[in-house]
Protein backbone atom coordinates (compact mmCIF):
# COMPACT_ATOMS: atom_id res chain seq x y z
CA MET A 1 -13.97 19.26 8.91
CA LYS A 2 -14.29 15.44 9.20
CA ARG A 3 -13.89 12.83 6.41
CA THR A 4 -14.78 9.22 7.05
CA ALA A 5 -14.00 5.64 5.62
CA HIS A 6 -15.89 2.63 6.33
CA ALA A 7 -14.24 -1.03 6.60
CA VAL A 8 -15.81 -4.34 7.25
CA TRP A 9 -13.99 -7.59 8.00
CA LYS A 10 -15.05 -11.11 8.12
CA GLY A 11 -13.17 -14.04 8.91
CA PRO A 12 -9.65 -14.86 10.40
CA GLY A 13 -6.90 -12.57 9.81
CA MET A 14 -5.11 -14.42 7.25
CA LYS A 15 -8.04 -16.36 5.25
CA GLY A 16 -10.65 -13.66 6.05
CA SER A 17 -11.25 -10.52 4.02
CA GLY A 18 -13.12 -7.27 3.99
CA THR A 19 -14.52 -4.00 1.97
CA LEU A 20 -13.50 -0.60 2.03
CA THR A 21 -15.92 2.52 1.63
CA THR A 22 -15.23 6.13 1.56
CA GLN A 23 -17.81 9.12 2.38
CA SER A 24 -17.23 10.59 -1.23
CA GLY A 25 -18.32 7.16 -2.82
CA ALA A 26 -14.86 7.22 -4.72
CA MET A 27 -14.46 3.61 -3.31
CA GLU A 28 -17.54 1.51 -2.45
CA ASN A 29 -17.12 -1.77 -0.96
CA GLN A 30 -13.90 -2.24 -2.32
CA PRO A 31 -12.08 -5.54 -1.50
CA TYR A 32 -9.24 -5.98 0.69
CA SER A 33 -7.63 -8.98 2.44
CA ILE A 34 -4.14 -10.11 3.69
CA LYS A 35 -3.66 -12.22 0.32
CA LEU A 36 -4.51 -9.15 -1.99
CA ARG A 37 -2.18 -7.04 0.16
CA PHE A 38 0.93 -9.32 0.30
CA GLU A 39 0.46 -11.72 -2.72
CA ASN A 40 -0.95 -9.47 -5.44
CA GLU A 41 2.31 -7.88 -6.69
CA ASP A 42 0.32 -5.90 -9.19
CA GLY A 43 -2.20 -4.88 -6.86
CA LYS A 44 -4.75 -5.13 -9.41
CA LEU A 45 -7.20 -7.07 -7.39
CA GLY A 46 -7.94 -5.13 -4.41
CA THR A 47 -7.06 -2.25 -2.56
CA ASN A 48 -4.59 -2.21 0.73
CA PRO A 49 -4.04 0.50 3.29
CA GLU A 50 -0.53 1.18 1.93
CA GLU A 51 -1.90 2.22 -1.20
CA LEU A 52 -4.54 4.43 0.06
CA ILE A 53 -1.94 6.06 2.42
CA ALA A 54 0.36 6.47 -0.96
CA ALA A 55 -2.80 8.05 -2.95
CA ALA A 56 -3.58 10.46 -0.02
CA HIS A 57 -0.19 11.57 0.38
CA SER A 58 0.61 12.47 -3.23
CA GLY A 59 -2.77 13.96 -3.56
CA CYS A 60 -2.30 15.92 -0.43
CA TYR A 61 1.09 17.07 -1.21
CA ALA A 62 0.12 18.20 -4.67
CA MET A 63 -2.54 20.39 -3.30
CA ALA A 64 -0.23 21.78 -0.76
CA LEU A 65 2.73 22.78 -3.01
CA SER A 66 0.06 24.56 -5.15
CA VAL A 67 -1.12 26.66 -2.27
CA GLU A 68 2.45 27.54 -1.36
CA LEU A 69 3.29 28.47 -4.83
CA GLU A 70 -0.11 30.91 -5.08
CA LYS A 71 0.79 32.35 -1.70
CA ALA A 72 4.33 33.34 -3.32
CA GLY A 73 2.89 34.47 -6.58
CA TYR A 74 3.25 31.31 -8.66
CA THR A 75 0.95 29.28 -10.46
CA ALA A 76 1.98 25.68 -11.49
CA ASP A 77 0.83 24.60 -15.14
CA THR A 78 1.49 20.72 -13.95
CA LEU A 79 2.23 19.05 -10.52
CA ASP A 80 2.86 15.35 -11.18
CA VAL A 81 3.43 13.57 -7.79
CA ASN A 82 4.08 9.82 -7.36
CA ALA A 83 4.15 8.60 -3.59
CA ASP A 84 6.24 5.44 -3.56
CA LEU A 85 5.60 3.82 -0.24
CA SER A 86 7.84 1.04 1.51
CA LEU A 87 6.34 -1.32 3.89
CA ASP A 88 9.21 -3.51 5.19
CA LYS A 89 9.10 -6.62 7.14
CA ASN A 90 11.04 -6.71 10.49
CA ASP A 91 11.29 -8.79 13.44
CA ALA A 92 8.33 -7.11 15.07
CA GLY A 93 6.01 -7.19 12.02
CA TRP A 94 5.40 -4.87 9.23
CA ASP A 95 6.66 -1.11 9.33
CA ILE A 96 6.37 1.82 6.98
CA THR A 97 9.87 2.61 6.70
CA LYS A 98 9.59 5.40 3.68
CA ILE A 99 7.30 7.18 1.66
CA ALA A 100 9.31 8.77 -1.36
CA LEU A 101 7.60 11.63 -3.01
CA LYS A 102 8.52 11.86 -6.57
CA LEU A 103 7.59 15.51 -8.38
CA ASP A 104 7.66 16.51 -11.60
CA ALA A 105 6.76 20.08 -11.88
CA SER A 106 6.05 22.90 -14.31
CA VAL A 107 6.29 26.26 -13.14
CA PRO A 108 7.02 29.19 -15.47
CA GLU A 109 9.05 32.05 -13.92
CA ILE A 110 10.48 30.52 -10.50
CA SER A 111 14.02 30.07 -9.42
CA ASP A 112 15.27 26.74 -8.29
CA ASP A 113 16.00 28.50 -5.13
CA GLU A 114 12.43 29.55 -4.59
CA PHE A 115 11.05 26.25 -5.97
CA ASP A 116 13.01 24.38 -3.70
CA LYS A 117 11.86 26.49 -0.46
CA LEU A 118 8.48 26.16 -1.49
CA ALA A 119 8.40 22.66 -2.63
CA ASN A 120 9.91 21.72 0.80
CA ALA A 121 7.56 23.96 2.95
CA ALA A 122 4.63 22.08 1.30
CA LYS A 123 6.09 18.28 2.00
CA ASN A 124 6.70 19.62 5.48
CA GLY A 125 3.38 21.19 6.21
CA CYS A 126 1.17 18.87 3.96
CA PRO A 127 -1.20 17.17 6.54
CA VAL A 128 -0.79 13.75 5.56
CA SER A 129 2.85 14.20 5.91
CA LYS A 130 2.11 14.91 9.27
CA VAL A 131 -0.39 12.06 10.08
CA LEU A 132 1.71 9.66 12.15
CA SER A 133 2.25 12.02 14.67
CA CYS A 134 -1.29 12.83 15.23
CA GLU A 135 -3.30 12.01 18.01
CA ILE A 136 -5.24 8.70 17.29
CA THR A 137 -8.47 7.91 19.67
CA LEU A 138 -10.66 4.74 19.69
CA ASP A 139 -14.05 4.29 20.37
CA TYR A 140 -15.49 1.05 19.95
CA LYS A 141 -18.21 -1.31 20.67
CA LEU A 142 -17.83 -5.13 21.11
CA ASN A 143 -20.90 -7.47 20.31
CA SER A 144 -20.08 -10.61 21.65
């Protein structure tokens, strides 16, 4: 299975801007820029890579946990997940230093110990949790 997204960037780094489009069409030419990324505190004027990683992580984790629960014979009424991503500046630039998953779950008839085991297994097994350790390849064409 492959999923795709497309970015177009125009102009210099600090003053340029671009658009992001996803294969599903959930995002179509969504604007993004350094200004929108770092100077728009409420994040309402455009998207940014960190927001998209947080969305992917919260969604993936909720799915992974629902599968873990199902395999163990449980069904969640609700899995409400927030992913709070921290992007911090250091001497070398910017780093994603932490993603804090916050879960509010309603799962009938499960013990605290069983839920803890399944919730942590889902956190560790979620493909997005593991994404930064995956192989990253680059294929490019330079038009000059």
